[in-house]
C-alpha atoms as a PDB file:
ATOM      1  CA  MET A   1      -0.101  -0.096   0.056  1.00  0.00           C
ATOM      2  CA  GLN A   2       1.153   3.416  -0.853  1.00  0.00           C
ATOM      3  CA  THR A   3       2.104   5.583   2.237  1.00  0.00           C
ATOM      4  CA  MET A   4       1.758   9.361   2.873  1.00  0.00           C
ATOM      5  CA  ARG A   5       2.775  11.826   5.473  1.00  0.00           C
ATOM      6  CA  LEU A   6       0.015  13.083   7.673  1.00  0.00           C
ATOM      7  CA  GLY A   7       0.718  16.823   7.735  1.00  0.00           C
ATOM      8  CA  ARG A   8       2.966  18.132  10.418  1.00  0.00           C
ATOM      9  CA  THR A   9       2.353  15.182  12.610  1.00  0.00           C
ATOM     10  CA  GLY A  10       5.052  13.608  10.536  1.00  0.00           C
ATOM     11  CA  LEU A  11       2.977  10.228  10.872  1.00  0.00           C
ATOM     12  CA  ILE A  12       3.527   7.998   7.880  1.00  0.00           C
ATOM     13  CA  ILE A  13       0.186   6.053   7.165  1.00  0.00           C
ATOM     14  CA  GLY A  14      -1.235   3.917   4.392  1.00  0.00           C
ATOM     15  CA  ARG A  15      -3.255   6.258   2.018  1.00  0.00           C
ATOM     16  CA  THR A  16      -6.434   4.065   2.578  1.00  0.00           C
ATOM     17  CA  GLY A  17      -7.767   4.625   5.994  1.00  0.00           C
ATOM     18  CA  PHE A  18     -10.215   2.648   7.917  1.00  0.00           C
ATOM     19  CA  GLY A  19     -13.410   4.575   9.357  1.00  0.00           C
ATOM     20  CA  ALA A  20     -14.487   2.384  12.368  1.00  0.00           C
ATOM     21  CA  LEU A  21     -17.910   3.988  12.860  1.00  0.00           C
ATOM     22  CA  PRO A  22     -19.688   1.101  11.322  1.00  0.00           C
ATOM     23  CA  MET A  23     -17.907  -1.374  13.539  1.00  0.00           C
ATOM     24  CA  GLN A  24     -20.706  -0.706  16.310  1.00  0.00           C
ATOM     25  CA  ARG A  25     -23.063  -2.306  13.981  1.00  0.00           C
ATOM     26  CA  VAL A  26     -21.249  -5.700  13.767  1.00  0.00           C
ATOM     27  CA  SER A  27     -20.299  -8.295  16.326  1.00  0.00           C
ATOM     28  CA  PHE A  28     -16.898  -8.312  18.004  1.00  0.00           C
ATOM     29  CA  ASP A  29     -15.814 -11.329  16.043  1.00  0.00           C
ATOM     30  CA  GLU A  30     -16.874  -9.847  12.669  1.00  0.00           C
ATOM     31  CA  ALA A  31     -15.220  -6.665  13.674  1.00  0.00           C
ATOM     32  CA  LYS A  32     -12.049  -8.433  14.356  1.00  0.00           C
ATOM     33  CA  LEU A  33     -12.071 -10.200  11.021  1.00  0.00           C
ATOM     34  CA  LEU A  34     -12.452  -6.796   9.106  1.00  0.00           C
ATOM     35  CA  LEU A  35      -9.856  -5.027  11.354  1.00  0.00           C
ATOM     36  CA  VAL A  36      -7.201  -7.796  11.167  1.00  0.00           C
ATOM     37  CA  LYS A  37      -7.738  -8.289   7.414  1.00  0.00           C
ATOM     38  CA  ALA A  38      -7.457  -4.476   6.757  1.00  0.00           C
ATOM     39  CA  TYR A  39      -4.202  -4.400   8.891  1.00  0.00           C
ATOM     40  CA  GLY A  40      -2.732  -7.287   6.999  1.00  0.00           C
ATOM     41  CA  ALA A  41      -3.467  -5.707   3.765  1.00  0.00           C
ATOM     42  CA  GLY A  42      -1.324  -2.479   4.740  1.00  0.00           C
ATOM     43  CA  VAL A  43      -4.001  -0.369   6.443  1.00  0.00           C
ATOM     44  CA  THR A  44      -2.475   1.419   9.218  1.00  0.00           C
ATOM     45  CA  PHE A  45      -4.644   4.359   9.984  1.00  0.00           C
ATOM     46  CA  PHE A  46      -7.900   3.698  12.079  1.00  0.00           C
ATOM     47  CA  ASP A  47     -10.318   6.309  13.001  1.00  0.00           C
ATOM     48  CA  THR A  48     -13.055   6.016  15.716  1.00  0.00           C
ATOM     49  CA  ALA A  49     -14.722   8.097  18.405  1.00  0.00           C
ATOM     50  CA  ARG A  50     -15.890   7.851  21.988  1.00  0.00           C
ATOM     51  CA  GLY A  51     -19.370   8.478  20.780  1.00  0.00           C
ATOM     52  CA  TYR A  52     -19.481   5.424  18.327  1.00  0.00           C
ATOM     53  CA  SER A  53     -20.786   3.102  21.102  1.00  0.00           C
ATOM     54  CA  ASP A  54     -18.392   0.088  21.256  1.00  0.00           C
ATOM     55  CA  SER A  55     -16.346   0.803  18.216  1.00  0.00           C
ATOM     56  CA  GLU A  56     -13.182   1.802  20.402  1.00  0.00           C
ATOM     57  CA  GLU A  57     -13.575  -1.656  22.366  1.00  0.00           C
ATOM     58  CA  LYS A  58     -13.506  -3.546  19.047  1.00  0.00           C
ATOM     59  CA  ILE A  59     -10.483  -1.792  17.879  1.00  0.00           C
ATOM     60  CA  GLY A  60      -8.740  -2.853  21.211  1.00  0.00           C
ATOM     61  CA  TYR A  61     -10.113  -6.429  20.886  1.00  0.00           C
ATOM     62  CA  ALA A  62      -8.672  -6.817  17.468  1.00  0.00           C
ATOM     63  CA  LEU A  63      -5.555  -4.686  17.061  1.00  0.00           C
ATOM     64  CA  SER A  64      -4.017  -4.214  20.546  1.00  0.00           C
ATOM     65  CA  GLY A  65      -1.358  -6.969  19.618  1.00  0.00           C
ATOM     66  CA  VAL A  66      -0.046  -4.626  16.884  1.00  0.00           C
ATOM     67  CA  ARG A  67      -0.667  -1.318  18.588  1.00  0.00           C
ATOM     68  CA  SER A  68       2.848  -0.019  17.909  1.00  0.00           C
ATOM     69  CA  ARG A  69       2.573  -0.429  14.189  1.00  0.00           C
ATOM     70  CA  ILE A  70      -0.829   1.463  13.682  1.00  0.00           C
ATOM     71  CA  VAL A  71      -2.052   5.052  14.120  1.00  0.00           C
ATOM     72  CA  ILE A  72      -5.309   5.518  16.006  1.00  0.00           C
ATOM     73  CA  ALA A  73      -7.348   8.525  16.000  1.00  0.00           C
ATOM     74  CA  THR A  74     -10.241   8.988  18.239  1.00  0.00           C
ATOM     75  CA  LYS A  75     -12.675  11.831  19.016  1.00  0.00           C
ATOM     76  CA  THR A  76     -14.367  13.320  22.169  1.00  0.00           C
ATOM     77  CA  PHE A  77     -17.468  15.451  22.373  1.00  0.00           C
ATOM     78  CA  ALA A  78     -16.323  16.972  25.724  1.00  0.00           C
ATOM     79  CA  THR A  79     -16.055  20.629  25.705  1.00  0.00           C
ATOM     80  CA  ASP A  80     -14.133  21.122  29.030  1.00  0.00           C
ATOM     81  CA  ARG A  81     -10.872  19.890  30.410  1.00  0.00           C
ATOM     82  CA  LYS A  82     -12.210  17.364  32.900  1.00  0.00           C
ATOM     83  CA  GLY A  83     -14.763  15.923  30.449  1.00  0.00           C
ATOM     84  CA  LEU A  84     -11.982  15.589  27.831  1.00  0.00           C
ATOM     85  CA  LEU A  85      -9.713  13.838  30.193  1.00  0.00           C
ATOM     86  CA  ASP A  86     -12.525  11.540  31.526  1.00  0.00           C
ATOM     87  CA  HIS A  87     -13.532  10.520  28.002  1.00  0.00           C
ATOM     88  CA  LEU A  88      -9.891   9.874  27.002  1.00  0.00           C
ATOM     89  CA  ALA A  89      -9.436   7.637  30.188  1.00  0.00           C
ATOM     90  CA  VAL A  90     -12.143   5.445  28.719  1.00  0.00           C
ATOM     91  CA  SER A  91     -10.961   5.393  25.455  1.00  0.00           C
ATOM     92  CA  LEU A  92      -7.564   4.157  26.427  1.00  0.00           C
ATOM     93  CA  LYS A  93      -9.212   1.439  28.343  1.00  0.00           C
ATOM     94  CA  ASN A  94     -11.464   0.440  25.628  1.00  0.00           C
ATOM     95  CA  MET A  95      -8.520   0.252  23.046  1.00  0.00           C
ATOM     96  CA  LYS A  96      -6.137  -1.315  25.519  1.00  0.00           C
ATOM     97  CA  THR A  97      -3.520   1.304  24.860  1.00  0.00           C
ATOM     98  CA  ASP A  98      -1.871   3.950  27.130  1.00  0.00           C
ATOM     99  CA  TYR A  99      -1.954   6.638  24.299  1.00  0.00           C
ATOM    100  CA  VAL A 100      -3.742   7.617  21.201  1.00  0.00           C
ATOM    101  CA  ASP A 101      -1.942   8.986  18.252  1.00  0.00           C
ATOM    102  CA  ILE A 102      -4.579  11.706  17.507  1.00  0.00           C
ATOM    103  CA  LEU A 103      -7.336  12.979  19.896  1.00  0.00           C
ATOM    104  CA  GLN A 104      -9.808  15.099  17.896  1.00  0.00           C
ATOM    105  CA  LEU A 105     -12.524  17.600  19.203  1.00  0.00           C
ATOM    106  CA  HIS A 106     -15.612  16.152  17.862  1.00  0.00           C
ATOM    107  CA  ASN A 107     -17.582  18.603  15.691  1.00  0.00           C
ATOM    108  CA  PRO A 108     -17.499  21.510  18.273  1.00  0.00           C
ATOM    109  CA  LYS A 109     -19.616  24.440  17.345  1.00  0.00           C
ATOM    110  CA  ASP A 110     -16.873  26.807  18.184  1.00  0.00           C
ATOM    111  CA  LEU A 111     -13.112  26.554  18.570  1.00  0.00           C
ATOM    112  CA  PRO A 112     -11.976  26.230  22.297  1.00  0.00           C
ATOM    113  CA  ASP A 113     -10.758  29.127  24.295  1.00  0.00           C
ATOM    114  CA  VAL A 114      -6.962  28.622  24.533  1.00  0.00           C
ATOM    115  CA  ASN A 115      -6.867  30.963  27.540  1.00  0.00           C
ATOM    116  CA  ASP A 116      -9.351  29.040  29.692  1.00  0.00           C
ATOM    117  CA  PRO A 117      -7.602  26.586  31.871  1.00  0.00           C
ATOM    118  CA  GLU A 118     -10.708  24.572  32.112  1.00  0.00           C
ATOM    119  CA  SER A 119     -11.488  24.447  28.189  1.00  0.00           C
ATOM    120  CA  SER A 120     -11.142  21.266  26.033  1.00  0.00           C
ATOM    121  CA  TRP A 121      -8.052  22.832  24.612  1.00  0.00           C
ATOM    122  CA  ALA A 122      -6.343  22.813  28.076  1.00  0.00           C
ATOM    123  CA  GLY A 123      -7.499  19.272  28.277  1.00  0.00           C
ATOM    124  CA  LEU A 124      -5.860  18.395  24.925  1.00  0.00           C
ATOM    125  CA  MET A 125      -2.571  20.082  26.163  1.00  0.00           C
ATOM    126  CA  GLU A 126      -2.615  18.272  29.562  1.00  0.00           C
ATOM    127  CA  ALA A 127      -3.074  14.893  27.751  1.00  0.00           C
ATOM    128  CA  LYS A 128      -0.289  15.681  25.531  1.00  0.00           C
ATOM    129  CA  LYS A 129       2.029  16.765  28.223  1.00  0.00           C
ATOM    130  CA  LYS A 130       1.301  13.510  30.096  1.00  0.00           C
ATOM    131  CA  GLY A 131       1.860  11.229  27.076  1.00  0.00           C
ATOM    132  CA  MET A 132      -1.761  10.241  26.648  1.00  0.00           C
ATOM    133  CA  ILE A 133      -2.138  11.721  23.120  1.00  0.00           C
ATOM    134  CA  ARG A 134       0.581  12.546  20.549  1.00  0.00           C
ATOM    135  CA  PHE A 135      -1.331  15.203  18.470  1.00  0.00           C
ATOM    136  CA  ALA A 136      -4.337  17.377  18.723  1.00  0.00           C
ATOM    137  CA  GLY A 137      -7.166  17.236  15.940  1.00  0.00           C
ATOM    138  CA  ILE A 138     -10.580  18.516  15.242  1.00  0.00           C
ATOM    139  CA  SER A 139     -13.386  17.341  13.243  1.00  0.00           C
ATOM    140  CA  SER A 140     -15.993  19.635  11.517  1.00  0.00           C
ATOM    141  CA  HIS A 141     -18.885  19.383   9.074  1.00  0.00           C
ATOM    142  CA  ILE A 142     -18.942  23.204   8.470  1.00  0.00           C
ATOM    143  CA  ALA A 143     -16.500  24.922   6.057  1.00  0.00           C
ATOM    144  CA  VAL A 144     -16.300  28.220   8.061  1.00  0.00           C
ATOM    145  CA  THR A 145     -15.465  26.272  11.409  1.00  0.00           C
ATOM    146  CA  ALA A 146     -13.105  24.093   9.507  1.00  0.00           C
ATOM    147  CA  THR A 147     -11.231  27.019   7.980  1.00  0.00           C
ATOM    148  CA  LYS A 148     -10.826  28.792  11.055  1.00  0.00           C
ATOM    149  CA  ALA A 149      -9.515  25.689  12.851  1.00  0.00           C
ATOM    150  CA  VAL A 150      -6.751  25.278  10.087  1.00  0.00           C
ATOM    151  CA  GLN A 151      -5.912  28.923  10.205  1.00  0.00           C
ATOM    152  CA  SER A 152      -5.823  29.035  14.091  1.00  0.00           C
ATOM    153  CA  GLY A 153      -2.543  27.046  14.044  1.00  0.00           C
ATOM    154  CA  LEU A 154      -3.845  24.902  16.984  1.00  0.00           C
ATOM    155  CA  PHE A 155      -4.686  21.712  15.361  1.00  0.00           C
ATOM    156  CA  ASP A 156      -2.148  19.111  13.831  1.00  0.00           C
ATOM    157  CA  THR A 157      -5.213  17.428  11.873  1.00  0.00           C
ATOM    158  CA  LEU A 158      -8.647  18.160  10.483  1.00  0.00           C
ATOM    159  CA  GLN A 159     -11.196  15.672   9.773  1.00  0.00           C
ATOM    160  CA  TYR A 160     -13.824  17.076   7.184  1.00  0.00           C
ATOM    161  CA  PRO A 161     -16.536  15.499   4.809  1.00  0.00           C
ATOM    162  CA  LEU A 162     -14.997  15.374   1.383  1.00  0.00           C
ATOM    163  CA  SER A 163     -16.277  13.637  -1.629  1.00  0.00           C
ATOM    164  CA  SER A 164     -16.525  13.534  -5.609  1.00  0.00           C
ATOM    165  CA  ILE A 165     -19.653  15.864  -5.178  1.00  0.00           C
ATOM    166  CA  SER A 166     -17.977  18.347  -2.841  1.00  0.00           C
ATOM    167  CA  ALA A 167     -18.520  21.862  -3.372  1.00  0.00           C
ATOM    168  CA  ASP A 168     -15.675  24.170  -4.406  1.00  0.00           C
ATOM    169  CA  ALA A 169     -15.737  25.828  -0.892  1.00  0.00           C
ATOM    170  CA  ASP A 170     -15.179  22.444   0.697  1.00  0.00           C
ATOM    171  CA  LEU A 171     -12.568  21.329  -1.793  1.00  0.00           C
ATOM    172  CA  ALA A 172     -10.685  24.767  -0.976  1.00  0.00           C
ATOM    173  CA  ILE A 173      -9.911  23.199   2.337  1.00  0.00           C
ATOM    174  CA  ILE A 174      -7.670  20.800   0.877  1.00  0.00           C
ATOM    175  CA  GLY A 175      -5.296  23.451  -0.467  1.00  0.00           C
ATOM    176  CA  LEU A 176      -5.693  25.260   2.910  1.00  0.00           C
ATOM    177  CA  CYS A 177      -4.442  22.240   4.853  1.00  0.00           C
ATOM    178  CA  ARG A 178      -1.554  21.935   2.509  1.00  0.00           C
ATOM    179  CA  GLN A 179      -0.504  25.341   3.004  1.00  0.00           C
ATOM    180  CA  HIS A 180      -0.600  25.231   6.824  1.00  0.00           C
ATOM    181  CA  ASP A 181       0.691  21.573   6.793  1.00  0.00           C
ATOM    182  CA  VAL A 182      -2.357  20.171   8.777  1.00  0.00           C
ATOM    183  CA  GLY A 183      -3.127  16.677   8.216  1.00  0.00           C
ATOM    184  CA  LEU A 184      -6.429  16.280   6.411  1.00  0.00           C
ATOM    185  CA  ILE A 185      -8.659  13.192   7.071  1.00  0.00           C
ATOM    186  CA  ALA A 186     -11.613  12.829   4.718  1.00  0.00           C
ATOM    187  CA  MET A 187     -14.697  11.381   6.002  1.00  0.00           C
ATOM    188  CA  LYS A 188     -18.078  10.729   4.155  1.00  0.00           C
ATOM    189  CA  GLY A 189     -16.221   9.716   0.873  1.00  0.00           C
ATOM    190  CA  MET A 190     -19.348   7.799  -0.176  1.00  0.00           C
ATOM    191  CA  VAL A 191     -21.660  10.592   1.150  1.00  0.00           C
ATOM    192  CA  GLY A 192     -23.344   8.322   3.779  1.00  0.00           C
ATOM    193  CA  GLY A 193     -23.949   5.552   1.128  1.00  0.00           C
ATOM    194  CA  LEU A 194     -25.651   7.833  -1.526  1.00  0.00           C
ATOM    195  CA  LEU A 195     -22.508   7.411  -3.894  1.00  0.00           C
ATOM    196  CA  THR A 196     -22.913   3.935  -5.235  1.00  0.00           C
ATOM    197  CA  ASP A 197     -19.817   3.783  -7.395  1.00  0.00           C
ATOM    198  CA  ALA A 198     -16.730   3.220  -5.137  1.00  0.00           C
ATOM    199  CA  ARG A 199     -14.407   3.452  -8.051  1.00  0.00           C
ATOM    200  CA  SER A 200     -15.265   6.890  -8.922  1.00  0.00           C
ATOM    201  CA  ALA A 201     -15.330   7.949  -5.389  1.00  0.00           C
ATOM    202  CA  PHE A 202     -11.842   6.511  -4.714  1.00  0.00           C
ATOM    203  CA  ALA A 203     -10.396   7.947  -7.780  1.00  0.00           C
ATOM    204  CA  PHE A 204     -11.585  11.419  -6.983  1.00  0.00           C
ATOM    205  CA  LEU A 205      -9.960  11.399  -3.585  1.00  0.00           C
ATOM    206  CA  ARG A 206      -6.784   9.686  -4.644  1.00  0.00           C
ATOM    207  CA  GLN A 207      -5.676  12.612  -6.605  1.00  0.00           C
ATOM    208  CA  PHE A 208      -4.999  14.445  -3.567  1.00  0.00           C
ATOM    209  CA  ASP A 209      -2.015  13.455  -1.961  1.00  0.00           C
ATOM    210  CA  ASN A 210      -2.302  15.150   1.441  1.00  0.00           C
ATOM    211  CA  VAL A 211      -5.827  13.607   2.030  1.00  0.00           C
ATOM    212  CA  VAL A 212      -6.268  10.210   3.685  1.00  0.00           C
ATOM    213  CA  PRO A 213      -9.907   9.089   3.269  1.00  0.00           C
ATOM    214  CA  ILE A 214     -11.430   6.894   5.920  1.00  0.00           C
ATOM    215  CA  TRP A 215     -13.726   4.524   4.177  1.00  0.00           C
ATOM    216  CA  GLY A 216     -16.561   3.292   6.355  1.00  0.00           C
ATOM    217  CA  VAL A 217     -16.566  -0.626   6.269  1.00  0.00           C
ATOM    218  CA  GLN A 218     -19.245  -2.789   7.559  1.00  0.00           C
ATOM    219  CA  ARG A 219     -18.956  -6.009   5.287  1.00  0.00           C
ATOM    220  CA  GLU A 220     -15.937  -7.948   4.324  1.00  0.00           C
ATOM    221  CA  ARG A 221     -16.976  -7.320   0.343  1.00  0.00           C
ATOM    222  CA  GLU A 222     -16.770  -3.710   0.923  1.00  0.00           C
ATOM    223  CA  LEU A 223     -13.404  -3.960   2.543  1.00  0.00           C
ATOM    224  CA  ASP A 224     -12.277  -6.174  -0.392  1.00  0.00           C
ATOM    225  CA  GLU A 225     -13.360  -3.492  -2.909  1.00  0.00           C
ATOM    226  CA  PHE A 226     -11.515  -0.768  -1.253  1.00  0.00           C
ATOM    227  CA  LEU A 227      -8.355  -2.950  -0.830  1.00  0.00           C
ATOM    228  CA  ALA A 228      -8.584  -3.802  -4.594  1.00  0.00           C
ATOM    229  CA  LEU A 229      -8.992  -0.214  -5.639  1.00  0.00           C
ATOM    230  CA  ASP A 230      -5.998   0.716  -3.406  1.00  0.00           C
ATOM    231  CA  ALA A 231      -3.916  -1.985  -4.963  1.00  0.00           C
ATOM    232  CA  ASN A 232      -4.836  -0.878  -8.531  1.00  0.00           C
ATOM    233  CA  PRO A 233      -6.108   2.765  -8.278  1.00  0.00           C
ATOM    234  CA  PRO A 234      -8.276   3.908 -11.024  1.00  0.00           C
ATOM    235  CA  LYS A 235      -7.391   6.925 -13.070  1.00  0.00           C
ATOM    236  CA  LEU A 236      -9.609   9.951 -13.054  1.00  0.00           C
ATOM    237  CA  ASP A 237     -10.492   9.476 -16.745  1.00  0.00           C
ATOM    238  CA  ALA A 238     -13.299  10.731 -18.971  1.00  0.00           C
ATOM    239  CA  GLU A 239     -15.691   7.914 -17.991  1.00  0.00           C
ATOM    240  CA  ILE A 240     -15.231   8.425 -14.271  1.00  0.00           C
ATOM    241  CA  LEU A 241     -15.449  12.319 -14.489  1.00  0.00           C
ATOM    242  CA  ALA A 242     -18.748  11.741 -16.404  1.00  0.00           C
ATOM    243  CA  ARG A 243     -19.914   9.500 -13.524  1.00  0.00           C
ATOM    244  CA  ILE A 244     -19.095  12.183 -11.149  1.00  0.00           C
ATOM    245  CA  GLU A 245     -20.750  14.885 -12.932  1.00  0.00           C
ATOM    246  CA  LYS A 246     -23.971  12.648 -13.097  1.00  0.00           C
ATOM    247  CA  ASP A 247     -23.814  12.287  -9.303  1.00  0.00           C
ATOM    248  CA  ARG A 248     -23.407  15.882  -8.837  1.00  0.00           C
ATOM    249  CA  ARG A 249     -26.476  16.704 -10.841  1.00  0.00           C
ATOM    250  CA  GLU A 250     -28.646  14.237  -8.915  1.00  0.00           C
ATOM    251  CA  LEU A 251     -27.468  15.045  -5.581  1.00  0.00           C
ATOM    252  CA  ALA A 252     -27.434  18.885  -5.954  1.00  0.00           C
ATOM    253  CA  GLY A 253     -28.946  20.999  -3.076  1.00  0.00           C
ATOM    254  CA  ASP A 254     -29.333  20.147   0.625  1.00  0.00           C
ATOM    255  CA  PHE A 255     -29.645  16.611   1.732  1.00  0.00           C
ATOM    256  CA  CYS A 256     -29.081  14.440   4.763  1.00  0.00           C
ATOM    257  CA  ARG A 257     -25.601  13.127   4.945  1.00  0.00           C
ATOM    258  CA  ALA A 258     -26.290  10.534   7.572  1.00  0.00           C
ATOM    259  CA  CYS A 259     -23.894  11.735  10.226  1.00  0.00           C
ATOM    260  CA  GLY A 260     -26.385  10.596  13.005  1.00  0.00           C
ATOM    261  CA  TYR A 261     -25.861  13.475  15.167  1.00  0.00           C
ATOM    262  CA  CYS A 262     -29.784  13.877  15.235  1.00  0.00           C
ATOM    263  CA  LEU A 263     -30.073  10.576  16.961  1.00  0.00           C
ATOM    264  CA  PRO A 264     -31.714   9.304  19.061  1.00  0.00           C
ATOM    265  CA  CYS A 265     -35.059  10.501  18.052  1.00  0.00           C
ATOM    266  CA  PRO A 266     -37.733  10.559  20.795  1.00  0.00           C
ATOM    267  CA  ALA A 267     -40.334   9.331  18.288  1.00  0.00           C
ATOM    268  CA  GLY A 268     -37.940   6.407  17.127  1.00  0.00           C
ATOM    269  CA  ILE A 269     -37.710   7.897  13.628  1.00  0.00           C
ATOM    270  CA  PRO A 270     -34.484   6.365  11.935  1.00  0.00           C
ATOM    271  CA  ILE A 271     -33.688   9.762  10.676  1.00  0.00           C
ATOM    272  CA  PRO A 272     -30.426   9.066   8.840  1.00  0.00           C
ATOM    273  CA  PHE A 273     -32.355   6.707   6.474  1.00  0.00           C
ATOM    274  CA  ALA A 274     -35.739   8.364   6.472  1.00  0.00           C
ATOM    275  CA  ALA A 275     -34.513  11.813   5.650  1.00  0.00           C
ATOM    276  CA  ARG A 276     -32.687  10.501   2.559  1.00  0.00           C
ATOM    277  CA  MET A 277     -35.420   7.988   1.482  1.00  0.00           C
ATOM    278  CA  GLY A 278     -36.300   9.816  -1.710  1.00  0.00           C
ATOM    279  CA  LEU A 279     -32.534   9.471  -2.799  1.00  0.00           C
ATOM    280  CA  LEU A 280     -32.163   5.847  -1.551  1.00  0.00           C
ATOM    281  CA  LEU A 281     -35.122   4.790  -3.529  1.00  0.00           C
ATOM    282  CA  ARG A 282     -33.435   6.088  -6.773  1.00  0.00           C
ATOM    283  CA  ARG A 283     -29.878   5.127  -5.805  1.00  0.00           C
ATOM    284  CA  MET A 284     -30.049   1.687  -4.201  1.00  0.00           C
ATOM    285  CA  PRO A 285     -32.100  -1.488  -4.811  1.00  0.00           C
ATOM    286  CA  TRP A 286     -35.487  -0.188  -3.788  1.00  0.00           C
ATOM    287  CA  GLN A 287     -36.991  -3.519  -3.099  1.00  0.00           C
ATOM    288  CA  GLN A 288     -35.381  -3.690   0.475  1.00  0.00           C
ATOM    289  CA  PHE A 289     -37.530  -0.570   1.414  1.00  0.00           C
ATOM    290  CA  MET A 290     -40.816  -2.031   0.613  1.00  0.00           C
ATOM    291  CA  SER A 291     -41.290  -4.234   3.550  1.00  0.00           C
ATOM    292  CA  ASP A 292     -43.995  -3.931   6.254  1.00  0.00           C
ATOM    293  CA  GLU A 293     -40.994  -3.067   8.698  1.00  0.00           C
ATOM    294  CA  TRP A 294     -39.808  -0.193   6.546  1.00  0.00           C
ATOM    295  CA  ASN A 295     -43.361   1.061   5.931  1.00  0.00           C
ATOM    296  CA  GLU A 296     -43.909   1.070   9.847  1.00  0.00           C
ATOM    297  CA  LYS A 297     -40.681   3.010  10.278  1.00  0.00           C
ATOM    298  CA  MET A 298     -41.222   5.552   7.672  1.00  0.00           C
ATOM    299  CA  HIS A 299     -44.824   6.301   9.229  1.00  0.00           C
ATOM    300  CA  ARG A 300     -43.213   7.031  12.498  1.00  0.00           C
ATOM    301  CA  ILE A 301     -42.677  10.450  10.904  1.00  0.00           C
ATOM    302  CA  GLU A 302     -46.182  11.045  11.387  1.00  0.00           C
ATOM    303  CA  LYS A 303     -45.497  10.916  15.274  1.00  0.00           C
ATOM    304  CA  CYS A 304     -43.022  13.613  15.039  1.00  0.00           C
ATOM    305  CA  THR A 305     -43.735  16.269  18.004  1.00  0.00           C
ATOM    306  CA  ASP A 306     -41.366  18.761  16.261  1.00  0.00           C
ATOM    307  CA  CYS A 307     -39.254  18.779  19.541  1.00  0.00           C
ATOM    308  CA  GLY A 308     -36.431  20.612  17.630  1.00  0.00           C
ATOM    309  CA  ARG A 309     -33.606  18.125  18.738  1.00  0.00           C
ATOM    310  CA  CYS A 310     -32.754  17.040  15.322  1.00  0.00           C
ATOM    311  CA  ARG A 311     -32.840  20.345  13.903  1.00  0.00           C
ATOM    312  CA  ARG A 312     -30.479  21.754  16.497  1.00  0.00           C
ATOM    313  CA  HIS A 313     -28.067  18.932  16.245  1.00  0.00           C
ATOM    314  CA  CYS A 314     -27.760  19.040  12.350  1.00  0.00           C
ATOM    315  CA  PRO A 315     -24.331  20.356  11.419  1.00  0.00           C
ATOM    316  CA  TYR A 316     -25.518  21.142   8.025  1.00  0.00           C
ATOM    317  CA  GLY A 317     -28.595  23.248   9.333  1.00  0.00           C
ATOM    318  CA  LEU A 318     -31.218  21.326   7.761  1.00  0.00           C
ATOM    319  CA  ASP A 319     -34.772  21.749   8.654  1.00  0.00           C
ATOM    320  CA  THR A 320     -35.022  18.013   9.448  1.00  0.00           C
ATOM    321  CA  PRO A 321     -38.806  17.737  10.312  1.00  0.00           C
ATOM    322  CA  ALA A 322     -39.744  19.377   7.004  1.00  0.00           C
ATOM    323  CA  LEU A 323     -37.330  17.113   5.030  1.00  0.00           C
ATOM    324  CA  LEU A 324     -38.803  14.091   6.768  1.00  0.00           C
ATOM    325  CA  THR A 325     -42.358  15.070   5.971  1.00  0.00           C
ATOM    326  CA  LYS A 326     -41.127  15.531   2.287  1.00  0.00           C
ATOM    327  CA  MET A 327     -39.414  12.016   2.320  1.00  0.00           C
ATOM    328  CA  LEU A 328     -42.597  10.331   3.712  1.00  0.00           C
ATOM    329  CA  ALA A 329     -44.602  11.752   0.938  1.00  0.00           C
ATOM    330  CA  ASN A 330     -42.007  10.634  -1.686  1.00  0.00           C
ATOM    331  CA  TYR A 331     -42.126   7.170   0.004  1.00  0.00           C
ATOM    332  CA  ASP A 332     -45.789   6.720  -0.163  1.00  0.00           C
ATOM    333  CA  ALA A 333     -46.089   7.800  -3.773  1.00  0.00           C
ATOM    334  CA  PHE A 334     -43.260   5.403  -4.716  1.00  0.00           C
ATOM    335  CA  VAL A 335     -44.836   2.484  -2.747  1.00  0.00           C
ATOM    336  CA  ALA A 336     -48.170   3.097  -4.442  1.00  0.00           C
ATOM    337  CA  GLU A 337     -46.571   3.352  -7.893  1.00  0.00           C
ATOM    338  CA  LYS A 338     -44.804  -0.104  -7.438  1.00  0.00           C
ATOM    339  CA  ARG A 339     -47.978  -1.546  -6.193  1.00  0.00           C
ATOM    340  CA  SER A 340     -49.929  -0.324  -9.110  1.00  0.00           C
ATOM    341  CA  GLU A 341     -47.451  -2.103 -11.483  1.00  0.00           C
ATOM    342  CA  ARG A 342     -48.095  -5.602 -10.053  1.00  0.00           C
END
């Protein structure tokens, strides 16, 4: 596997990273199979978070024996020094290690106050001084916040959503990180599953030699596909560029990226799926959504109390309840159409 330097951290990692968020949806043994196989194929960068339920524990279960030969990045939602150090202690225990290579502030609304001795920044610096972390990072979904973070000079790495359909303002962050020598970790390379062609998604991000994509993997066939692409990287040729342009046209405008910050929903609505249903029906095998189970899940939208939680927590500022109502209408119309064809 080709390697790269992760900005000013100086860490040398494989150019294909492993996004461990989906590990929370598989068993410990299934997770171990995937993580060990990825490591055996040359993957050395693994990204997780304190908020990804048992994802950290599964990394510890699978990879503690090769800890010194991999790079682990995790995240914390904590906004103060004590909370950050408490989260980090749990992360270290979960991953069976005494340090993490990169601890990232997890999508904070504002940058921390470096002059506040009880801020999350103070916690990062204390953890670094104690040898509990090697580098300080930040993740963000908002271009303005990400830009401020890079320009601040505080953070060694930035994690940001980048894909073949990213807007120019998002892609400009790649050059900004290069200019400031900030390691750039690309999340959402498949746009939460809305991109269905891994080849074009991979080729687009591979053109940037200062970007490490963390591909979210849940199934062995998905891992095999990304490993095969890494072994024989596709060229960004006319065919792939045409596919990317088609995706950009179809996915223009505001849509849910399935980050999951809106969860849990008090009404039990599976928001990351329900809020994208109109797109999923067109871009994935639609038959899976025709079941009674999915019909019941979608109609939970009718029980929405408009509590505002999802709207407040959406990093993209979407009016989630309105989007859900629209998607339910799309879903019902699609179901009726398919039933009439029988």
